[in-house]
Amino acid sequence: MPAASEALARTLARGALPWFAAEFAAARDDGVFTPQWWGDLLYPGSLWPEDTATVAADVDRIAAAAAADRPAAVS
């Protein structure tokens, strides 16, 4: 996972940004985040588009960190 998304996951896991989980889930549910968009953001020129599984795992890790204290996990 790139350093910026790793830092975001750690921040969320500590409980910071309490608004993030709901907004992130809403954006994913509404199709705002596409694998292409997220891959371009996280891996400009280095990994994308060859490895969609890594990009999906990074997005899932951020979602899980954001939803850790919520009753239903974001998937």
C-alpha atoms as a PDB file:
ATOM      1  CA  MET A   1       0.000   0.000   0.000  1.00  0.00           C
ATOM      2  CA  PRO A   2       1.371   3.448  -0.850  1.00  0.00           C
ATOM      3  CA  ALA A   3       2.531   5.587   2.055  1.00  0.00           C
ATOM      4  CA  ALA A   4      -0.301   8.124   1.749  1.00  0.00           C
ATOM      5  CA  SER A   5      -3.055   5.509   1.888  1.00  0.00           C
ATOM      6  CA  GLU A   6      -1.223   3.652   4.667  1.00  0.00           C
ATOM      7  CA  ALA A   7      -1.159   6.881   6.685  1.00  0.00           C
ATOM      8  CA  LEU A   8      -4.852   7.434   6.011  1.00  0.00           C
ATOM      9  CA  ALA A   9      -5.691   3.888   7.161  1.00  0.00           C
ATOM     10  CA  ARG A  10      -3.704   4.417  10.391  1.00  0.00           C
ATOM     11  CA  THR A  11      -5.415   7.760  10.989  1.00  0.00           C
ATOM     12  CA  LEU A  12      -8.836   6.203  10.504  1.00  0.00           C
ATOM     13  CA  ALA A  13      -8.006   3.216  12.700  1.00  0.00           C
ATOM     14  CA  ARG A  14      -7.182   5.653  15.531  1.00  0.00           C
ATOM     15  CA  GLY A  15     -10.687   7.074  15.227  1.00  0.00           C
ATOM     16  CA  ALA A  16      -9.791  10.360  13.594  1.00  0.00           C
ATOM     17  CA  LEU A  17     -12.017  11.818  10.880  1.00  0.00           C
ATOM     18  CA  PRO A  18     -15.289  10.405  12.231  1.00  0.00           C
ATOM     19  CA  TRP A  19     -17.181  11.701   9.183  1.00  0.00           C
ATOM     20  CA  PHE A  20     -14.961   9.794   6.752  1.00  0.00           C
ATOM     21  CA  ALA A  21     -16.541   6.332   7.040  1.00  0.00           C
ATOM     22  CA  ALA A  22     -20.037   7.446   6.017  1.00  0.00           C
ATOM     23  CA  GLU A  23     -18.823   9.666   3.205  1.00  0.00           C
ATOM     24  CA  PHE A  24     -16.394   7.043   1.901  1.00  0.00           C
ATOM     25  CA  ALA A  25     -19.110   4.361   1.971  1.00  0.00           C
ATOM     26  CA  ALA A  26     -21.569   6.661   0.200  1.00  0.00           C
ATOM     27  CA  ALA A  27     -19.027   7.479  -2.493  1.00  0.00           C
ATOM     28  CA  ARG A  28     -18.249   3.786  -3.054  1.00  0.00           C
ATOM     29  CA  ASP A  29     -21.940   2.855  -3.097  1.00  0.00           C
ATOM     30  CA  ASP A  30     -22.689   5.620  -5.603  1.00  0.00           C
ATOM     31  CA  GLY A  31     -19.880   4.460  -7.906  1.00  0.00           C
ATOM     32  CA  VAL A  32     -17.809   7.604  -7.449  1.00  0.00           C
ATOM     33  CA  PHE A  33     -14.652   5.568  -6.851  1.00  0.00           C
ATOM     34  CA  THR A  34     -13.757   3.449  -9.829  1.00  0.00           C
ATOM     35  CA  PRO A  35     -10.741   1.139  -9.797  1.00  0.00           C
ATOM     36  CA  GLN A  36      -9.217   3.276 -12.572  1.00  0.00           C
ATOM     37  CA  TRP A  37      -9.652   6.519 -10.600  1.00  0.00           C
ATOM     38  CA  TRP A  38      -8.292   5.037  -7.387  1.00  0.00           C
ATOM     39  CA  GLY A  39      -5.407   3.322  -9.171  1.00  0.00           C
ATOM     40  CA  ASP A  40      -4.434   6.517 -10.941  1.00  0.00           C
ATOM     41  CA  LEU A  41      -4.534   8.356  -7.612  1.00  0.00           C
ATOM     42  CA  LEU A  42      -2.548   5.805  -5.599  1.00  0.00           C
ATOM     43  CA  TYR A  43      -0.194   4.473  -8.255  1.00  0.00           C
ATOM     44  CA  PRO A  44       0.429   7.136 -10.871  1.00  0.00           C
ATOM     45  CA  GLY A  45       2.524   5.534 -13.570  1.00  0.00           C
ATOM     46  CA  SER A  46       4.022   2.777 -11.426  1.00  0.00           C
ATOM     47  CA  LEU A  47       1.522  -0.039 -10.922  1.00  0.00           C
ATOM     48  CA  TRP A  48      -1.785   0.792 -12.547  1.00  0.00           C
ATOM     49  CA  PRO A  49      -3.488  -0.602 -14.565  1.00  0.00           C
ATOM     50  CA  GLU A  50      -1.777  -3.990 -14.415  1.00  0.00           C
ATOM     51  CA  ASP A  51      -2.700  -4.873 -10.847  1.00  0.00           C
ATOM     52  CA  THR A  52      -6.351  -4.203 -10.064  1.00  0.00           C
ATOM     53  CA  ALA A  53      -6.311  -6.670  -7.147  1.00  0.00           C
ATOM     54  CA  THR A  54      -3.768  -4.550  -5.266  1.00  0.00           C
ATOM     55  CA  VAL A  55      -5.759  -1.384  -5.881  1.00  0.00           C
ATOM     56  CA  ALA A  56      -8.973  -3.090  -4.702  1.00  0.00           C
ATOM     57  CA  ALA A  57      -7.215  -4.395  -1.581  1.00  0.00           C
ATOM     58  CA  ASP A  58      -5.948  -0.903  -0.756  1.00  0.00           C
ATOM     59  CA  VAL A  59      -9.434   0.579  -1.101  1.00  0.00           C
ATOM     60  CA  ASP A  60     -10.874  -2.245   1.042  1.00  0.00           C
ATOM     61  CA  ARG A  61      -8.236  -1.668   3.722  1.00  0.00           C
ATOM     62  CA  ILE A  62      -9.108   2.022   3.935  1.00  0.00           C
ATOM     63  CA  ALA A  63     -12.822   1.177   4.057  1.00  0.00           C
ATOM     64  CA  ALA A  64     -12.235  -1.378   6.816  1.00  0.00           C
ATOM     65  CA  ALA A  65     -10.161   1.077   8.855  1.00  0.00           C
ATOM     66  CA  ALA A  66     -12.850   3.729   8.468  1.00  0.00           C
ATOM     67  CA  ALA A  67     -15.612   1.330   9.462  1.00  0.00           C
ATOM     68  CA  ALA A  68     -13.836  -0.363  12.362  1.00  0.00           C
ATOM     69  CA  ASP A  69     -16.045   1.276  14.951  1.00  0.00           C
ATOM     70  CA  ARG A  70     -19.268   1.039  12.943  1.00  0.00           C
ATOM     71  CA  PRO A  71     -21.769  -1.790  13.405  1.00  0.00           C
ATOM     72  CA  ALA A  72     -21.702  -2.827   9.743  1.00  0.00           C
ATOM     73  CA  ALA A  73     -18.437  -2.978   7.829  1.00  0.00           C
ATOM     74  CA  VAL A  74     -18.087  -1.209   4.506  1.00  0.00           C
ATOM     75  CA  SER A  75     -17.365  -3.643   1.714  1.00  0.00           C
END
